[in-house]
Amino acid sequence: MTRNKKIWVAIVVVAAALAIGTVFAAMSPRTRVRYWTWRMHSGDLETRTRARVHLLEIGRPTIDPVYVEVVVGEITDRLTGRGARALVGVCQPQPDSVSEIYDLETTIAPRPHGSEEACRFELVVGRHTDDRAWRLLAGSTLAERRLVVLGPRGAVLEISVPKDDPLSESIIAGTESLLSAKK
């Protein structure tokens, strides 16, 4: 083999190795989290929504560093131009019912009817099978603590916030900060 051929073979091998390395790096969860986190800051609503869904599909704990931002971003985009309040409660499953009963734990906006004591509230909540972000944020277990964001026409989003999850309180605080700023 001549010297020129050896150089060209070496160049092709190095280029192929770089291409294969780039493909493997792009498939790593950390790289995908960085990419979709960057896309989540887009000025386009559809791009932000798609980015958050991709991040939620990657799942926790991989997205824990940006999870609170994902949740608050989803709430922000769903509440644009709406009045809202949010409640934290433990869902009590109701067999054969379209509604869910919640035991109120705390409120992030005025309590229903201005009440300050613990109360129970009922929501008619669809299963939102076509809303990927809702499904991924709500979790699969009905009998659990949830943050329910309410708009003027009912539930806007349900988010699972278990007491044993270290990010739950940050999600509640981020939602409170968001709703306080919208007043």
Foldseek 3Di string as FASTA:
>chain_A
DDPVVVVVVVVVVVVVVVVVVVVVVCPDLLNLLVVLVVQLPDPDPVSVLVSLLVLLVSHPPSNVVCVLVSLLSLVCVLCVPWQKWKFKFFWDDDPPDQKIKTFTDDILDQDVVNDDDTDIDMFRDHPPPVRSNQDSFQDDDRGAIWMFMATPVGTSHIGGQHPPDPCSVVNSVSNSVVNVVVD
